[in-house]
Amino acid sequence: MTELSTAILALLCFGSGAYALFLLWRNRSDREVEERLGELVDRAPPRGKSVSPFGSWPDSTRYLPEFARTRLYQAGIEFSADRLTALAFFAFCLWVAIALLLSFFVSTLLVLSMILVVAAVVDYRARQRMNALSDAMLGYFDRVRQLLVVGNSLSVALSRATQSSPPIIVEFFSPTMRRIANGAGVTESIGQLADELDLYELRLFGAAVETNLRFGGSLTAILANLIENIRRRAAVLREVRVSTSQIRASAWVLGLLPMVVASVVMVQSPDYIRWFIDNPSGRTLLIYCAVSQVLGAIVMRGVVKSTSY
């Protein structure tokens, strides 16, 4: 009877979290339908009315650290207050449900593993997008330089170069172009974008524009030197990546080998793994192994990392 009550309680906890996500999904679907209907009848959506089912919930986005916000922005993931609150509530309900069915230790380990996997996916997506943006910056700077040579102002050159750039440039530079068009300063807008993206090429470009506007000189010559330096840096980074390819491969093998071995042992000898879950000494060793694995992955990533964003 106790096991049945525990299972029902765990199911209720999981259902509560799933219902919160369902409310969020249904609310977003209704909002999209209202926006499309508003476009068809040529009227703006009603204001002054909160359509979010989590409108009275606390805004959990303000608790995110600055590096997490930067990484999410680089990955192109936007977390509104209701979405992050619903996901946090679902994770809490899932943690309680697993703790009731199995144990507190297993539940905490599984939820932390899920969080680490999500963080790794976000970090990978952010690095891929920043690499694509970094590769497209040379062409963008060259277009800006050519537009400046034919007599365009800096703001016009930036706007026209953005319009003819790849989608990754348009995605990140369009808000900056709108700020400049609405009267914001060019230097401040580029500096703000460089701070948000934390990209090496953008910081150099912002410093070059600020120096030119403050002390004068030929911006086209500065951009030409900037493009040449970026090309040399890219060539050096390619050589470094080729030279460290064996080290990076070894780091991947060393990082994945403990998890692969643990998975094989778990499948072949479930009783052996049960000792690490039921015995206090086993749980201590398991925590030590998990922490060592995470710290080792962080250290190896820092060692083999050949670029900084």
C-alpha atoms as a PDB file:
ATOM      1  CA  MET A   1       0.000   0.000   0.000  1.00  0.00           C
ATOM      2  CA  THR A   2       2.849   2.375   0.831  1.00  0.00           C
ATOM      3  CA  GLU A   3       4.559   1.680  -2.489  1.00  0.00           C
ATOM      4  CA  LEU A   4       1.322   2.353  -4.359  1.00  0.00           C
ATOM      5  CA  SER A   5       0.801   5.659  -2.535  1.00  0.00           C
ATOM      6  CA  THR A   6       4.377   6.681  -3.274  1.00  0.00           C
ATOM      7  CA  ALA A   7       3.953   5.836  -6.953  1.00  0.00           C
ATOM      8  CA  ILE A   8       0.707   7.819  -7.145  1.00  0.00           C
ATOM      9  CA  LEU A   9       2.329  10.799  -5.433  1.00  0.00           C
ATOM     10  CA  ALA A  10       5.303  10.625  -7.800  1.00  0.00           C
ATOM     11  CA  LEU A  11       2.936  10.476 -10.773  1.00  0.00           C
ATOM     12  CA  LEU A  12       1.059  13.521  -9.475  1.00  0.00           C
ATOM     13  CA  CYS A  13       4.318  15.463  -9.117  1.00  0.00           C
ATOM     14  CA  PHE A  14       5.382  14.574 -12.643  1.00  0.00           C
ATOM     15  CA  GLY A  15       1.912  15.417 -13.945  1.00  0.00           C
ATOM     16  CA  SER A  16       2.042  18.837 -12.300  1.00  0.00           C
ATOM     17  CA  GLY A  17       5.278  19.689 -14.067  1.00  0.00           C
ATOM     18  CA  ALA A  18       4.000  18.352 -17.386  1.00  0.00           C
ATOM     19  CA  TYR A  19       0.789  20.375 -16.975  1.00  0.00           C
ATOM     20  CA  ALA A  20       2.814  23.550 -16.465  1.00  0.00           C
ATOM     21  CA  LEU A  21       4.629  22.914 -19.751  1.00  0.00           C
ATOM     22  CA  PHE A  22       1.309  22.143 -21.442  1.00  0.00           C
ATOM     23  CA  LEU A  23      -0.142  25.449 -20.231  1.00  0.00           C
ATOM     24  CA  LEU A  24       2.871  27.277 -21.593  1.00  0.00           C
ATOM     25  CA  TRP A  25       2.608  25.542 -24.971  1.00  0.00           C
ATOM     26  CA  ARG A  26      -1.151  26.161 -25.234  1.00  0.00           C
ATOM     27  CA  ASN A  27      -0.741  29.806 -24.255  1.00  0.00           C
ATOM     28  CA  ARG A  28       1.913  30.346 -26.936  1.00  0.00           C
ATOM     29  CA  SER A  29      -0.272  28.626 -29.527  1.00  0.00           C
ATOM     30  CA  ASP A  30      -3.230  30.845 -28.617  1.00  0.00           C
ATOM     31  CA  ARG A  31      -0.992  33.915 -28.778  1.00  0.00           C
ATOM     32  CA  GLU A  32       0.206  33.004 -32.271  1.00  0.00           C
ATOM     33  CA  VAL A  33      -3.385  32.492 -33.428  1.00  0.00           C
ATOM     34  CA  GLU A  34      -4.406  35.888 -32.019  1.00  0.00           C
ATOM     35  CA  GLU A  35      -1.468  37.602 -33.720  1.00  0.00           C
ATOM     36  CA  ARG A  36      -2.313  36.034 -37.075  1.00  0.00           C
ATOM     37  CA  LEU A  37      -5.975  36.965 -36.741  1.00  0.00           C
ATOM     38  CA  GLY A  38      -4.925  40.493 -35.809  1.00  0.00           C
ATOM     39  CA  GLU A  39      -2.811  40.723 -38.953  1.00  0.00           C
ATOM     40  CA  LEU A  40      -5.726  39.487 -41.081  1.00  0.00           C
ATOM     41  CA  VAL A  41      -8.167  42.082 -39.749  1.00  0.00           C
ATOM     42  CA  ASP A  42      -5.438  44.755 -39.738  1.00  0.00           C
ATOM     43  CA  ARG A  43      -5.543  45.573 -36.075  1.00  0.00           C
ATOM     44  CA  ALA A  44      -3.022  45.483 -33.259  1.00  0.00           C
ATOM     45  CA  PRO A  45      -3.328  42.819 -30.541  1.00  0.00           C
ATOM     46  CA  PRO A  46      -5.090  43.997 -27.369  1.00  0.00           C
ATOM     47  CA  ARG A  47      -2.856  45.639 -24.794  1.00  0.00           C
ATOM     48  CA  GLY A  48      -3.063  45.839 -21.061  1.00  0.00           C
ATOM     49  CA  LYS A  49      -4.037  42.203 -20.706  1.00  0.00           C
ATOM     50  CA  SER A  50      -1.546  39.547 -19.675  1.00  0.00           C
ATOM     51  CA  VAL A  51      -2.023  36.379 -21.680  1.00  0.00           C
ATOM     52  CA  SER A  52       0.683  34.453 -19.889  1.00  0.00           C
ATOM     53  CA  PRO A  53      -0.472  31.738 -17.467  1.00  0.00           C
ATOM     54  CA  PHE A  54       2.646  32.525 -15.406  1.00  0.00           C
ATOM     55  CA  GLY A  55       2.164  36.287 -15.320  1.00  0.00           C
ATOM     56  CA  SER A  56       2.001  36.324 -11.521  1.00  0.00           C
ATOM     57  CA  TRP A  57       5.007  34.035 -11.097  1.00  0.00           C
ATOM     58  CA  PRO A  58       8.414  35.505 -10.221  1.00  0.00           C
ATOM     59  CA  ASP A  59      10.696  36.390 -13.098  1.00  0.00           C
ATOM     60  CA  SER A  60      13.336  33.666 -12.837  1.00  0.00           C
ATOM     61  CA  THR A  61      15.440  35.063 -15.698  1.00  0.00           C
ATOM     62  CA  ARG A  62      16.962  37.654 -13.371  1.00  0.00           C
ATOM     63  CA  TYR A  63      18.596  34.855 -11.356  1.00  0.00           C
ATOM     64  CA  LEU A  64      20.609  33.671 -14.344  1.00  0.00           C
ATOM     65  CA  PRO A  65      24.317  34.574 -14.067  1.00  0.00           C
ATOM     66  CA  GLU A  66      25.787  36.913 -16.646  1.00  0.00           C
ATOM     67  CA  PHE A  67      27.844  34.217 -18.412  1.00  0.00           C
ATOM     68  CA  ALA A  68      24.715  32.067 -18.801  1.00  0.00           C
ATOM     69  CA  ARG A  69      22.796  34.954 -20.369  1.00  0.00           C
ATOM     70  CA  THR A  70      25.694  35.635 -22.739  1.00  0.00           C
ATOM     71  CA  ARG A  71      25.923  31.981 -23.743  1.00  0.00           C
ATOM     72  CA  LEU A  72      22.167  31.732 -24.338  1.00  0.00           C
ATOM     73  CA  TYR A  73      22.284  34.875 -26.467  1.00  0.00           C
ATOM     74  CA  GLN A  74      25.191  33.476 -28.463  1.00  0.00           C
ATOM     75  CA  ALA A  75      23.258  30.231 -28.976  1.00  0.00           C
ATOM     76  CA  GLY A  76      20.205  32.137 -30.183  1.00  0.00           C
ATOM     77  CA  ILE A  77      18.019  30.880 -27.334  1.00  0.00           C
ATOM     78  CA  GLU A  78      15.652  33.374 -25.768  1.00  0.00           C
ATOM     79  CA  PHE A  79      14.209  32.494 -22.384  1.00  0.00           C
ATOM     80  CA  SER A  80      11.161  34.518 -21.436  1.00  0.00           C
ATOM     81  CA  ALA A  81      10.102  34.669 -17.801  1.00  0.00           C
ATOM     82  CA  ASP A  82       7.195  32.246 -18.192  1.00  0.00           C
ATOM     83  CA  ARG A  83       9.213  29.716 -20.196  1.00  0.00           C
ATOM     84  CA  LEU A  84      12.114  29.561 -17.751  1.00  0.00           C
ATOM     85  CA  THR A  85       9.744  29.425 -14.781  1.00  0.00           C
ATOM     86  CA  ALA A  86       7.797  26.552 -16.326  1.00  0.00           C
ATOM     87  CA  LEU A  87      10.972  24.615 -17.133  1.00  0.00           C
ATOM     88  CA  ALA A  88      12.339  25.156 -13.619  1.00  0.00           C
ATOM     89  CA  PHE A  89       9.033  23.983 -12.118  1.00  0.00           C
ATOM     90  CA  PHE A  90       9.037  20.900 -14.369  1.00  0.00           C
ATOM     91  CA  ALA A  91      12.625  20.063 -13.358  1.00  0.00           C
ATOM     92  CA  PHE A  92      11.681  20.383  -9.675  1.00  0.00           C
ATOM     93  CA  CYS A  93       8.628  18.153 -10.115  1.00  0.00           C
ATOM     94  CA  LEU A  94      10.704  15.600 -12.009  1.00  0.00           C
ATOM     95  CA  TRP A  95      13.317  15.633  -9.245  1.00  0.00           C
ATOM     96  CA  VAL A  96      10.643  15.037  -6.567  1.00  0.00           C
ATOM     97  CA  ALA A  97       8.998  12.259  -8.587  1.00  0.00           C
ATOM     98  CA  ILE A  98      12.260  10.366  -9.130  1.00  0.00           C
ATOM     99  CA  ALA A  99      13.213  10.879  -5.473  1.00  0.00           C
ATOM    100  CA  LEU A 100       9.928   9.295  -4.382  1.00  0.00           C
ATOM    101  CA  LEU A 101      10.300   6.337  -6.750  1.00  0.00           C
ATOM    102  CA  LEU A 102      14.022   5.678  -6.311  1.00  0.00           C
ATOM    103  CA  SER A 103      16.017   7.791  -3.882  1.00  0.00           C
ATOM    104  CA  PHE A 104      17.125  11.344  -3.247  1.00  0.00           C
ATOM    105  CA  PHE A 105      20.655  10.571  -4.397  1.00  0.00           C
ATOM    106  CA  VAL A 106      19.608   9.004  -7.713  1.00  0.00           C
ATOM    107  CA  SER A 107      17.142  11.805  -8.380  1.00  0.00           C
ATOM    108  CA  THR A 108      19.729  14.506  -7.738  1.00  0.00           C
ATOM    109  CA  LEU A 109      22.294  12.704  -9.897  1.00  0.00           C
ATOM    110  CA  LEU A 110      19.869  12.316 -12.810  1.00  0.00           C
ATOM    111  CA  VAL A 111      18.634  15.914 -12.697  1.00  0.00           C
ATOM    112  CA  LEU A 112      22.183  17.268 -12.470  1.00  0.00           C
ATOM    113  CA  SER A 113      23.175  15.050 -15.396  1.00  0.00           C
ATOM    114  CA  MET A 114      20.288  16.431 -17.443  1.00  0.00           C
ATOM    115  CA  ILE A 115      21.301  19.994 -16.576  1.00  0.00           C
ATOM    116  CA  LEU A 116      24.910  19.312 -17.574  1.00  0.00           C
ATOM    117  CA  VAL A 117      23.795  17.754 -20.861  1.00  0.00           C
ATOM    118  CA  VAL A 118      21.599  20.771 -21.640  1.00  0.00           C
ATOM    119  CA  ALA A 119      24.451  23.121 -20.742  1.00  0.00           C
ATOM    120  CA  ALA A 120      26.807  21.177 -23.027  1.00  0.00           C
ATOM    121  CA  VAL A 121      24.317  21.371 -25.909  1.00  0.00           C
ATOM    122  CA  VAL A 122      23.853  25.121 -25.403  1.00  0.00           C
ATOM    123  CA  ASP A 123      27.616  25.622 -25.233  1.00  0.00           C
ATOM    124  CA  TYR A 124      28.150  23.596 -28.411  1.00  0.00           C
ATOM    125  CA  ARG A 125      25.457  25.533 -30.275  1.00  0.00           C
ATOM    126  CA  ALA A 126      26.894  28.852 -29.063  1.00  0.00           C
ATOM    127  CA  ARG A 127      30.410  27.898 -30.186  1.00  0.00           C
ATOM    128  CA  GLN A 128      29.128  26.815 -33.591  1.00  0.00           C
ATOM    129  CA  ARG A 129      27.266  30.070 -34.112  1.00  0.00           C
ATOM    130  CA  MET A 130      30.177  32.182 -32.894  1.00  0.00           C
ATOM    131  CA  ASN A 131      32.525  30.323 -35.230  1.00  0.00           C
ATOM    132  CA  ALA A 132      30.157  30.986 -38.132  1.00  0.00           C
ATOM    133  CA  LEU A 133      29.888  34.648 -37.146  1.00  0.00           C
ATOM    134  CA  SER A 134      33.656  34.952 -36.791  1.00  0.00           C
ATOM    135  CA  ASP A 135      34.169  33.446 -40.261  1.00  0.00           C
ATOM    136  CA  ALA A 136      31.684  35.919 -41.752  1.00  0.00           C
ATOM    137  CA  MET A 137      33.203  38.995 -40.093  1.00  0.00           C
ATOM    138  CA  LEU A 138      36.055  39.343 -42.599  1.00  0.00           C
ATOM    139  CA  GLY A 139      33.665  39.682 -45.512  1.00  0.00           C
ATOM    140  CA  TYR A 140      31.505  42.073 -43.515  1.00  0.00           C
ATOM    141  CA  PHE A 141      34.426  44.354 -42.644  1.00  0.00           C
ATOM    142  CA  ASP A 142      35.575  44.317 -46.254  1.00  0.00           C
ATOM    143  CA  ARG A 143      32.109  45.369 -47.467  1.00  0.00           C
ATOM    144  CA  VAL A 144      32.051  48.180 -44.913  1.00  0.00           C
ATOM    145  CA  ARG A 145      35.472  49.336 -46.101  1.00  0.00           C
ATOM    146  CA  GLN A 146      34.402  49.317 -49.755  1.00  0.00           C
ATOM    147  CA  LEU A 147      31.256  51.306 -48.967  1.00  0.00           C
ATOM    148  CA  LEU A 148      33.318  53.849 -47.043  1.00  0.00           C
ATOM    149  CA  VAL A 149      35.733  54.197 -49.967  1.00  0.00           C
ATOM    150  CA  VAL A 150      32.913  55.193 -52.355  1.00  0.00           C
ATOM    151  CA  GLY A 151      31.759  57.952 -49.985  1.00  0.00           C
ATOM    152  CA  ASN A 152      29.119  56.484 -47.669  1.00  0.00           C
ATOM    153  CA  SER A 153      28.953  57.485 -44.044  1.00  0.00           C
ATOM    154  CA  LEU A 154      29.788  54.925 -41.388  1.00  0.00           C
ATOM    155  CA  SER A 155      26.166  54.338 -40.341  1.00  0.00           C
ATOM    156  CA  VAL A 156      25.025  53.937 -43.969  1.00  0.00           C
ATOM    157  CA  ALA A 157      27.960  51.630 -44.737  1.00  0.00           C
ATOM    158  CA  LEU A 158      27.131  49.456 -41.726  1.00  0.00           C
ATOM    159  CA  SER A 159      23.462  49.269 -42.691  1.00  0.00           C
ATOM    160  CA  ARG A 160      24.094  48.391 -46.340  1.00  0.00           C
ATOM    161  CA  ALA A 161      26.811  45.891 -45.480  1.00  0.00           C
ATOM    162  CA  THR A 162      24.461  44.197 -43.019  1.00  0.00           C
ATOM    163  CA  GLN A 163      21.710  43.894 -45.627  1.00  0.00           C
ATOM    164  CA  SER A 164      24.022  42.107 -48.077  1.00  0.00           C
ATOM    165  CA  SER A 165      25.641  39.832 -45.483  1.00  0.00           C
ATOM    166  CA  PRO A 166      24.964  36.170 -44.601  1.00  0.00           C
ATOM    167  CA  PRO A 167      21.994  35.400 -42.314  1.00  0.00           C
ATOM    168  CA  ILE A 168      24.193  35.007 -39.213  1.00  0.00           C
ATOM    169  CA  ILE A 169      25.414  38.604 -39.610  1.00  0.00           C
ATOM    170  CA  VAL A 170      21.899  39.904 -40.248  1.00  0.00           C
ATOM    171  CA  GLU A 171      20.568  38.127 -37.144  1.00  0.00           C
ATOM    172  CA  PHE A 172      23.060  39.675 -34.746  1.00  0.00           C
ATOM    173  CA  PHE A 173      23.550  43.078 -36.379  1.00  0.00           C
ATOM    174  CA  SER A 174      19.919  43.956 -37.163  1.00  0.00           C
ATOM    175  CA  PRO A 175      19.105  45.147 -33.588  1.00  0.00           C
ATOM    176  CA  THR A 176      22.258  47.286 -33.630  1.00  0.00           C
ATOM    177  CA  MET A 177      21.284  48.814 -36.973  1.00  0.00           C
ATOM    178  CA  ARG A 178      17.825  49.628 -35.599  1.00  0.00           C
ATOM    179  CA  ARG A 179      19.366  51.328 -32.571  1.00  0.00           C
ATOM    180  CA  ILE A 180      21.612  53.418 -34.824  1.00  0.00           C
ATOM    181  CA  ALA A 181      18.654  54.302 -37.077  1.00  0.00           C
ATOM    182  CA  ASN A 182      16.695  55.450 -34.012  1.00  0.00           C
ATOM    183  CA  GLY A 183      19.426  57.886 -32.999  1.00  0.00           C
ATOM    184  CA  ALA A 184      21.857  55.858 -30.889  1.00  0.00           C
ATOM    185  CA  GLY A 185      25.571  56.477 -31.293  1.00  0.00           C
ATOM    186  CA  VAL A 186      27.516  54.208 -33.620  1.00  0.00           C
ATOM    187  CA  THR A 187      30.357  53.675 -31.150  1.00  0.00           C
ATOM    188  CA  GLU A 188      28.045  52.901 -28.238  1.00  0.00           C
ATOM    189  CA  SER A 189      25.908  50.524 -30.326  1.00  0.00           C
ATOM    190  CA  ILE A 190      28.888  48.564 -31.641  1.00  0.00           C
ATOM    191  CA  GLY A 191      30.417  48.451 -28.162  1.00  0.00           C
ATOM    192  CA  GLN A 192      27.161  47.126 -26.726  1.00  0.00           C
ATOM    193  CA  LEU A 193      27.013  44.417 -29.399  1.00  0.00           C
ATOM    194  CA  ALA A 194      30.652  43.481 -28.695  1.00  0.00           C
ATOM    195  CA  ASP A 195      29.874  43.160 -24.974  1.00  0.00           C
ATOM    196  CA  GLU A 196      26.803  41.034 -25.648  1.00  0.00           C
ATOM    197  CA  LEU A 197      28.569  38.645 -28.022  1.00  0.00           C
ATOM    198  CA  ASP A 198      32.034  38.752 -26.411  1.00  0.00           C
ATOM    199  CA  LEU A 199      33.625  38.255 -29.845  1.00  0.00           C
ATOM    200  CA  TYR A 200      37.269  39.113 -30.528  1.00  0.00           C
ATOM    201  CA  GLU A 201      36.695  40.578 -34.006  1.00  0.00           C
ATOM    202  CA  LEU A 202      33.859  42.778 -32.820  1.00  0.00           C
ATOM    203  CA  ARG A 203      35.920  44.163 -29.948  1.00  0.00           C
ATOM    204  CA  LEU A 204      38.677  45.100 -32.384  1.00  0.00           C
ATOM    205  CA  PHE A 205      36.158  46.712 -34.706  1.00  0.00           C
ATOM    206  CA  GLY A 206      34.572  48.671 -31.851  1.00  0.00           C
ATOM    207  CA  ALA A 207      37.980  49.872 -30.671  1.00  0.00           C
ATOM    208  CA  ALA A 208      38.900  50.908 -34.240  1.00  0.00           C
ATOM    209  CA  VAL A 209      35.675  52.887 -34.714  1.00  0.00           C
ATOM    210  CA  GLU A 210      35.980  54.568 -31.318  1.00  0.00           C
ATOM    211  CA  THR A 211      39.607  55.527 -31.970  1.00  0.00           C
ATOM    212  CA  ASN A 212      38.749  56.932 -35.390  1.00  0.00           C
ATOM    213  CA  LEU A 213      35.820  58.990 -34.121  1.00  0.00           C
ATOM    214  CA  ARG A 214      37.859  60.351 -31.223  1.00  0.00           C
ATOM    215  CA  PHE A 215      41.198  61.093 -32.880  1.00  0.00           C
ATOM    216  CA  GLY A 216      40.308  61.175 -36.577  1.00  0.00           C
ATOM    217  CA  GLY A 217      42.195  59.581 -39.448  1.00  0.00           C
ATOM    218  CA  SER A 218      41.273  57.260 -42.286  1.00  0.00           C
ATOM    219  CA  LEU A 219      38.854  54.588 -41.170  1.00  0.00           C
ATOM    220  CA  THR A 220      39.328  52.657 -44.418  1.00  0.00           C
ATOM    221  CA  ALA A 221      43.056  52.304 -43.712  1.00  0.00           C
ATOM    222  CA  ILE A 222      42.297  51.161 -40.165  1.00  0.00           C
ATOM    223  CA  LEU A 223      39.814  48.572 -41.464  1.00  0.00           C
ATOM    224  CA  ALA A 224      42.339  47.344 -44.041  1.00  0.00           C
ATOM    225  CA  ASN A 225      44.914  46.776 -41.281  1.00  0.00           C
ATOM    226  CA  LEU A 226      42.226  45.171 -39.112  1.00  0.00           C
ATOM    227  CA  ILE A 227      41.256  42.747 -41.887  1.00  0.00           C
ATOM    228  CA  GLU A 228      44.889  41.800 -42.472  1.00  0.00           C
ATOM    229  CA  ASN A 229      45.491  41.161 -38.753  1.00  0.00           C
ATOM    230  CA  ILE A 230      42.353  39.033 -38.484  1.00  0.00           C
ATOM    231  CA  ARG A 231      43.455  36.981 -41.490  1.00  0.00           C
ATOM    232  CA  ARG A 232      46.853  36.372 -39.924  1.00  0.00           C
ATOM    233  CA  ARG A 233      45.239  35.399 -36.638  1.00  0.00           C
ATOM    234  CA  ALA A 234      42.901  32.960 -38.428  1.00  0.00           C
ATOM    235  CA  ALA A 235      45.883  31.365 -40.189  1.00  0.00           C
ATOM    236  CA  VAL A 236      47.728  30.956 -36.880  1.00  0.00           C
ATOM    237  CA  LEU A 237      44.632  29.444 -35.230  1.00  0.00           C
ATOM    238  CA  ARG A 238      44.277  26.933 -38.052  1.00  0.00           C
ATOM    239  CA  GLU A 239      47.879  25.867 -37.570  1.00  0.00           C
ATOM    240  CA  VAL A 240      47.344  25.555 -33.825  1.00  0.00           C
ATOM    241  CA  ARG A 241      44.242  23.407 -34.305  1.00  0.00           C
ATOM    242  CA  VAL A 242      46.110  21.111 -36.669  1.00  0.00           C
ATOM    243  CA  SER A 243      49.005  20.823 -34.218  1.00  0.00           C
ATOM    244  CA  THR A 244      46.690  20.058 -31.277  1.00  0.00           C
ATOM    245  CA  SER A 245      44.343  17.666 -33.092  1.00  0.00           C
ATOM    246  CA  GLN A 246      45.951  14.612 -31.462  1.00  0.00           C
ATOM    247  CA  ILE A 247      45.698  16.192 -28.013  1.00  0.00           C
ATOM    248  CA  ARG A 248      42.037  17.026 -28.551  1.00  0.00           C
ATOM    249  CA  ALA A 249      41.293  13.490 -29.725  1.00  0.00           C
ATOM    250  CA  SER A 250      43.026  12.109 -26.619  1.00  0.00           C
ATOM    251  CA  ALA A 251      40.984  14.455 -24.438  1.00  0.00           C
ATOM    252  CA  TRP A 252      37.737  13.178 -25.980  1.00  0.00           C
ATOM    253  CA  VAL A 253      38.783   9.562 -25.395  1.00  0.00           C
ATOM    254  CA  LEU A 254      39.806  10.225 -21.790  1.00  0.00           C
ATOM    255  CA  GLY A 255      36.588  12.125 -21.128  1.00  0.00           C
ATOM    256  CA  LEU A 256      34.219   9.542 -22.618  1.00  0.00           C
ATOM    257  CA  LEU A 257      36.015   6.371 -21.520  1.00  0.00           C
ATOM    258  CA  PRO A 258      34.849   6.405 -17.840  1.00  0.00           C
ATOM    259  CA  MET A 259      31.209   6.905 -18.860  1.00  0.00           C
ATOM    260  CA  VAL A 260      31.386   4.147 -21.479  1.00  0.00           C
ATOM    261  CA  VAL A 261      32.973   1.720 -19.016  1.00  0.00           C
ATOM    262  CA  ALA A 262      30.405   2.603 -16.342  1.00  0.00           C
ATOM    263  CA  SER A 263      27.552   2.021 -18.814  1.00  0.00           C
ATOM    264  CA  VAL A 264      28.938  -1.395 -19.827  1.00  0.00           C
ATOM    265  CA  VAL A 265      29.392  -2.438 -16.196  1.00  0.00           C
ATOM    266  CA  MET A 266      25.880  -1.237 -15.356  1.00  0.00           C
ATOM    267  CA  VAL A 267      24.402  -3.406 -18.116  1.00  0.00           C
ATOM    268  CA  GLN A 268      26.464  -6.519 -17.358  1.00  0.00           C
ATOM    269  CA  SER A 269      26.522  -6.353 -13.537  1.00  0.00           C
ATOM    270  CA  PRO A 270      23.518  -4.470 -12.107  1.00  0.00           C
ATOM    271  CA  ASP A 271      24.238  -5.800  -8.600  1.00  0.00           C
ATOM    272  CA  TYR A 272      27.711  -4.275  -8.670  1.00  0.00           C
ATOM    273  CA  ILE A 273      26.259  -0.853  -9.497  1.00  0.00           C
ATOM    274  CA  ARG A 274      23.556  -1.267  -6.842  1.00  0.00           C
ATOM    275  CA  TRP A 275      26.270  -1.194  -4.160  1.00  0.00           C
ATOM    276  CA  PHE A 276      27.196   2.369  -5.201  1.00  0.00           C
ATOM    277  CA  ILE A 277      23.554   3.444  -4.784  1.00  0.00           C
ATOM    278  CA  ASP A 278      22.524   1.608  -1.604  1.00  0.00           C
ATOM    279  CA  ASN A 279      25.749   1.750   0.405  1.00  0.00           C
ATOM    280  CA  PRO A 280      26.768   5.123   1.921  1.00  0.00           C
ATOM    281  CA  SER A 281      30.423   4.499   1.045  1.00  0.00           C
ATOM    282  CA  GLY A 282      29.406   3.704  -2.524  1.00  0.00           C
ATOM    283  CA  ARG A 283      27.412   6.928  -2.815  1.00  0.00           C
ATOM    284  CA  THR A 284      30.401   8.872  -1.528  1.00  0.00           C
ATOM    285  CA  LEU A 285      32.650   7.257  -4.121  1.00  0.00           C
ATOM    286  CA  LEU A 286      30.078   7.890  -6.844  1.00  0.00           C
ATOM    287  CA  ILE A 287      29.885  11.570  -5.936  1.00  0.00           C
ATOM    288  CA  TYR A 288      33.677  11.750  -5.948  1.00  0.00           C
ATOM    289  CA  CYS A 289      33.782  10.110  -9.391  1.00  0.00           C
ATOM    290  CA  ALA A 290      31.140  12.459 -10.818  1.00  0.00           C
ATOM    291  CA  VAL A 291      32.868  15.577  -9.454  1.00  0.00           C
ATOM    292  CA  SER A 292      36.261  14.355 -10.689  1.00  0.00           C
ATOM    293  CA  GLN A 293      34.800  13.660 -14.122  1.00  0.00           C
ATOM    294  CA  VAL A 294      33.303  17.133 -14.401  1.00  0.00           C
ATOM    295  CA  LEU A 295      36.438  18.873 -13.130  1.00  0.00           C
ATOM    296  CA  GLY A 296      38.614  16.783 -15.441  1.00  0.00           C
ATOM    297  CA  ALA A 297      36.462  17.678 -18.442  1.00  0.00           C
ATOM    298  CA  ILE A 298      36.682  21.377 -17.575  1.00  0.00           C
ATOM    299  CA  VAL A 299      40.464  21.233 -17.146  1.00  0.00           C
ATOM    300  CA  MET A 300      41.013  19.291 -20.368  1.00  0.00           C
ATOM    301  CA  ARG A 301      38.770  21.667 -22.271  1.00  0.00           C
ATOM    302  CA  GLY A 302      40.817  24.580 -20.985  1.00  0.00           C
ATOM    303  CA  VAL A 303      44.062  22.873 -21.965  1.00  0.00           C
ATOM    304  CA  VAL A 304      43.083  22.010 -25.544  1.00  0.00           C
ATOM    305  CA  LYS A 305      41.062  25.133 -26.212  1.00  0.00           C
ATOM    306  CA  SER A 306      42.880  27.046 -28.922  1.00  0.00           C
ATOM    307  CA  THR A 307      40.474  29.940 -29.422  1.00  0.00           C
ATOM    308  CA  SER A 308      38.662  32.379 -27.172  1.00  0.00           C
ATOM    309  CA  TYR A 309      35.390  34.085 -27.983  1.00  0.00           C
END
